[in-house]
Amino acid sequence: MLVTVARLALGTAAMALLTASFTTSADAQRVHPRCAKSKDPVRCSCALYNGGYTTRTPDGRSRIVVSDTGRVNEGHVRCMLRNGRS
């Protein structure tokens, strides 16, 4: 009985470690605060962390993220690739 309990505990610990190692890299600590309510927080965070900025749409109701220089776009693409996006 004790051996069965020990095996179950060991198996549960191994599954917990494997599950924790396969989580996505875009965790809550890496999402930019302005991107918390965004439809795509990874894309928004990558743009803002690489020199992009937010601006309001002409109607004034929503915000958009803008990254318009070549250097910003290159950093944005690298960030997206690091976070598992293509």
N, C-alpha and C. Protein backbone atom coordinates (compact mmCIF):
# COMPACT_ATOMS: atom_id res chain seq x y z
N MET A 1 0.83 -1.20 0.00
CA MET A 1 0.00 0.00 0.00
C MET A 1 0.87 1.26 0.00
N LEU A 2 1.89 1.24 0.84
CA LEU A 2 2.79 2.39 0.93
C LEU A 2 3.55 2.59 -0.37
N VAL A 3 3.94 1.50 -1.01
CA VAL A 3 4.65 1.58 -2.29
C VAL A 3 3.75 2.20 -3.36
N THR A 4 2.48 1.85 -3.36
CA THR A 4 1.53 2.40 -4.34
C THR A 4 1.35 3.90 -4.14
N VAL A 5 1.25 4.33 -2.90
CA VAL A 5 1.11 5.75 -2.59
C VAL A 5 2.36 6.51 -3.02
N ALA A 6 3.53 5.94 -2.78
CA ALA A 6 4.78 6.58 -3.17
C ALA A 6 4.87 6.72 -4.69
N ARG A 7 4.46 5.68 -5.42
CA ARG A 7 4.48 5.75 -6.88
C ARG A 7 3.51 6.81 -7.39
N LEU A 8 2.35 6.88 -6.78
CA LEU A 8 1.36 7.89 -7.17
C LEU A 8 1.90 9.30 -6.93
N ALA A 9 2.53 9.51 -5.78
CA ALA A 9 3.10 10.83 -5.47
C ALA A 9 4.22 11.18 -6.44
N LEU A 10 5.06 10.21 -6.77
CA LEU A 10 6.16 10.46 -7.71
C LEU A 10 5.62 10.78 -9.10
N GLY A 11 4.61 10.02 -9.53
CA GLY A 11 4.00 10.28 -10.84
C GLY A 11 3.33 11.64 -10.90
N THR A 12 2.66 12.05 -9.84
CA THR A 12 2.01 13.36 -9.79
C THR A 12 3.05 14.48 -9.83
N ALA A 13 4.14 14.32 -9.12
CA ALA A 13 5.19 15.34 -9.12
C ALA A 13 5.82 15.46 -10.50
N ALA A 14 6.04 14.34 -11.17
CA ALA A 14 6.62 14.37 -12.52
C ALA A 14 5.68 15.07 -13.50
N MET A 15 4.40 14.78 -13.41
CA MET A 15 3.43 15.43 -14.30
C MET A 15 3.36 16.93 -14.05
N ALA A 16 3.45 17.34 -12.79
CA ALA A 16 3.42 18.76 -12.46
C ALA A 16 4.63 19.48 -13.05
N LEU A 17 5.80 18.86 -12.98
CA LEU A 17 7.01 19.48 -13.54
C LEU A 17 6.93 19.56 -15.06
N LEU A 18 6.43 18.53 -15.71
CA LEU A 18 6.32 18.55 -17.17
C LEU A 18 5.31 19.58 -17.63
N THR A 19 4.20 19.70 -16.93
CA THR A 19 3.17 20.67 -17.30
C THR A 19 3.71 22.09 -17.14
N ALA A 20 4.45 22.35 -16.10
CA ALA A 20 4.99 23.68 -15.86
C ALA A 20 6.03 24.06 -16.91
N SER A 21 6.75 23.10 -17.44
CA SER A 21 7.80 23.41 -18.42
C SER A 21 7.24 23.67 -19.82
N PHE A 22 6.02 23.25 -20.10
CA PHE A 22 5.44 23.43 -21.43
C PHE A 22 4.46 24.59 -21.51
N THR A 23 4.43 25.46 -20.54
CA THR A 23 3.54 26.61 -20.60
C THR A 23 4.07 27.60 -21.61
N THR A 24 3.20 28.49 -22.10
CA THR A 24 3.61 29.47 -23.10
C THR A 24 4.52 30.51 -22.49
N SER A 25 5.35 31.12 -23.30
CA SER A 25 6.31 32.09 -22.80
C SER A 25 5.71 33.48 -22.66
N ALA A 26 4.52 33.70 -23.13
CA ALA A 26 3.88 35.01 -23.03
C ALA A 26 3.05 35.06 -21.76
N ASP A 27 3.71 35.02 -20.62
CA ASP A 27 2.99 35.01 -19.37
C ASP A 27 2.56 36.42 -18.98
N ALA A 28 1.82 36.52 -17.91
CA ALA A 28 1.24 37.80 -17.50
C ALA A 28 2.30 38.83 -17.12
N GLN A 29 3.47 38.39 -16.72
CA GLN A 29 4.50 39.34 -16.33
C GLN A 29 5.13 40.02 -17.54
N ARG A 30 5.03 39.42 -18.72
CA ARG A 30 5.65 39.99 -19.90
C ARG A 30 4.68 40.79 -20.75
N VAL A 31 3.40 40.80 -20.40
CA VAL A 31 2.41 41.57 -21.15
C VAL A 31 2.47 43.01 -20.67
N HIS A 32 2.60 43.92 -21.62
CA HIS A 32 2.66 45.34 -21.30
C HIS A 32 1.35 45.77 -20.64
N PRO A 33 1.40 46.63 -19.63
CA PRO A 33 0.17 47.04 -18.94
C PRO A 33 -0.89 47.64 -19.87
N ARG A 34 -0.47 48.33 -20.90
CA ARG A 34 -1.44 48.92 -21.83
C ARG A 34 -2.11 47.87 -22.71
N CYS A 35 -1.57 46.66 -22.73
CA CYS A 35 -2.08 45.61 -23.61
C CYS A 35 -2.93 44.59 -22.88
N ALA A 36 -3.25 44.84 -21.63
CA ALA A 36 -3.98 43.85 -20.84
C ALA A 36 -5.35 43.54 -21.42
N LYS A 37 -6.02 44.53 -22.00
CA LYS A 37 -7.37 44.32 -22.55
C LYS A 37 -7.37 44.17 -24.06
N SER A 38 -6.21 44.03 -24.64
CA SER A 38 -6.08 43.92 -26.09
C SER A 38 -6.57 42.56 -26.58
N LYS A 39 -7.01 42.52 -27.84
CA LYS A 39 -7.41 41.25 -28.44
C LYS A 39 -6.22 40.32 -28.60
N ASP A 40 -5.05 40.86 -28.90
CA ASP A 40 -3.83 40.08 -29.04
C ASP A 40 -2.75 40.72 -28.17
N PRO A 41 -2.69 40.36 -26.88
CA PRO A 41 -1.75 41.02 -25.98
C PRO A 41 -0.28 40.76 -26.31
N VAL A 42 0.03 39.63 -26.93
CA VAL A 42 1.43 39.34 -27.28
C VAL A 42 1.88 40.30 -28.38
N ARG A 43 1.08 40.45 -29.41
CA ARG A 43 1.42 41.34 -30.52
C ARG A 43 1.55 42.79 -30.03
N CYS A 44 0.59 43.20 -29.21
CA CYS A 44 0.61 44.56 -28.67
C CYS A 44 1.84 44.79 -27.80
N SER A 45 2.16 43.83 -26.93
CA SER A 45 3.32 43.98 -26.05
C SER A 45 4.62 44.03 -26.84
N CYS A 46 4.73 43.17 -27.85
CA CYS A 46 5.94 43.18 -28.67
C CYS A 46 6.14 44.54 -29.34
N ALA A 47 5.07 45.12 -29.82
CA ALA A 47 5.18 46.42 -30.48
C ALA A 47 5.58 47.51 -29.47
N LEU A 48 4.95 47.53 -28.32
CA LEU A 48 5.25 48.58 -27.35
C LEU A 48 6.64 48.42 -26.73
N TYR A 49 7.08 47.20 -26.49
CA TYR A 49 8.41 46.99 -25.93
C TYR A 49 9.52 47.29 -26.94
N ASN A 50 9.19 47.39 -28.21
CA ASN A 50 10.20 47.64 -29.24
C ASN A 50 10.04 49.01 -29.88
N GLY A 51 9.53 49.97 -29.15
CA GLY A 51 9.48 51.35 -29.63
C GLY A 51 8.19 51.78 -30.28
N GLY A 52 7.20 50.93 -30.33
CA GLY A 52 5.91 51.33 -30.88
C GLY A 52 5.17 52.22 -29.89
N TYR A 53 4.04 52.72 -30.30
CA TYR A 53 3.26 53.59 -29.42
C TYR A 53 1.77 53.38 -29.71
N THR A 54 0.95 53.82 -28.76
CA THR A 54 -0.49 53.72 -28.94
C THR A 54 -1.04 55.08 -29.32
N THR A 55 -2.07 55.07 -30.12
CA THR A 55 -2.76 56.30 -30.48
C THR A 55 -4.25 55.98 -30.63
N ARG A 56 -5.06 56.99 -30.53
CA ARG A 56 -6.50 56.80 -30.67
C ARG A 56 -6.89 56.80 -32.14
N THR A 57 -7.96 56.06 -32.44
CA THR A 57 -8.50 56.08 -33.80
C THR A 57 -9.17 57.43 -34.04
N PRO A 58 -9.42 57.80 -35.29
CA PRO A 58 -10.01 59.11 -35.56
C PRO A 58 -11.37 59.34 -34.88
N ASP A 59 -12.14 58.29 -34.66
CA ASP A 59 -13.42 58.48 -33.98
C ASP A 59 -13.25 58.63 -32.47
N GLY A 60 -12.04 58.35 -31.93
CA GLY A 60 -11.74 58.55 -30.53
C GLY A 60 -12.22 57.46 -29.60
N ARG A 61 -12.76 56.38 -30.12
CA ARG A 61 -13.31 55.34 -29.27
C ARG A 61 -12.30 54.26 -28.87
N SER A 62 -11.38 53.93 -29.73
CA SER A 62 -10.46 52.83 -29.42
C SER A 62 -9.02 53.25 -29.68
N ARG A 63 -8.10 52.43 -29.18
CA ARG A 63 -6.67 52.68 -29.37
C ARG A 63 -6.11 51.67 -30.35
N ILE A 64 -5.08 52.10 -31.07
CA ILE A 64 -4.36 51.20 -31.95
C ILE A 64 -2.88 51.30 -31.62
N VAL A 65 -2.15 50.24 -31.91
CA VAL A 65 -0.71 50.21 -31.68
C VAL A 65 -0.02 50.46 -33.01
N VAL A 66 0.93 51.39 -33.00
CA VAL A 66 1.62 51.77 -34.23
C VAL A 66 3.11 51.49 -34.06
N SER A 67 3.69 50.79 -35.01
CA SER A 67 5.15 50.64 -35.08
C SER A 67 5.52 50.84 -36.54
N ASP A 68 6.13 51.97 -36.86
CA ASP A 68 6.27 52.35 -38.26
C ASP A 68 7.70 52.44 -38.79
N THR A 69 8.71 52.25 -37.98
CA THR A 69 10.07 52.32 -38.50
C THR A 69 10.61 50.92 -38.73
N GLY A 70 11.61 50.78 -39.56
CA GLY A 70 12.18 49.48 -39.87
C GLY A 70 12.78 48.79 -38.67
N ARG A 71 13.48 49.55 -37.82
CA ARG A 71 14.11 48.98 -36.64
C ARG A 71 13.04 48.43 -35.68
N VAL A 72 11.95 49.17 -35.53
CA VAL A 72 10.88 48.73 -34.65
C VAL A 72 10.24 47.46 -35.19
N ASN A 73 10.01 47.41 -36.50
CA ASN A 73 9.38 46.24 -37.09
C ASN A 73 10.26 45.00 -36.96
N GLU A 74 11.57 45.16 -37.09
CA GLU A 74 12.48 44.02 -36.95
C GLU A 74 12.45 43.48 -35.53
N GLY A 75 12.48 44.37 -34.55
CA GLY A 75 12.40 43.94 -33.16
C GLY A 75 11.06 43.31 -32.84
N HIS A 76 10.01 43.85 -33.43
CA HIS A 76 8.67 43.31 -33.24
C HIS A 76 8.57 41.89 -33.77
N VAL A 77 9.13 41.64 -34.94
CA VAL A 77 9.10 40.30 -35.53
C VAL A 77 9.90 39.32 -34.67
N ARG A 78 11.07 39.74 -34.18
CA ARG A 78 11.87 38.87 -33.33
C ARG A 78 11.13 38.52 -32.03
N CYS A 79 10.45 39.49 -31.46
CA CYS A 79 9.69 39.27 -30.25
C CYS A 79 8.54 38.29 -30.50
N MET A 80 7.86 38.44 -31.62
CA MET A 80 6.76 37.54 -31.96
C MET A 80 7.29 36.10 -32.15
N LEU A 81 8.45 35.95 -32.79
CA LEU A 81 9.03 34.62 -32.98
C LEU A 81 9.43 34.00 -31.64
N ARG A 82 9.98 34.81 -30.74
CA ARG A 82 10.35 34.31 -29.41
C ARG A 82 9.13 33.79 -28.65
N ASN A 83 7.98 34.40 -28.90
CA ASN A 83 6.76 34.02 -28.20
C ASN A 83 5.92 33.01 -28.97
N GLY A 84 6.52 32.35 -29.94
CA GLY A 84 5.85 31.26 -30.63
C GLY A 84 4.92 31.67 -31.72
N ARG A 85 5.02 32.89 -32.21
CA ARG A 85 4.16 33.34 -33.30
C ARG A 85 4.98 33.35 -34.59
N SER A 86 4.31 33.28 -35.70
CA SER A 86 5.03 33.32 -36.98
C SER A 86 4.75 34.59 -37.75
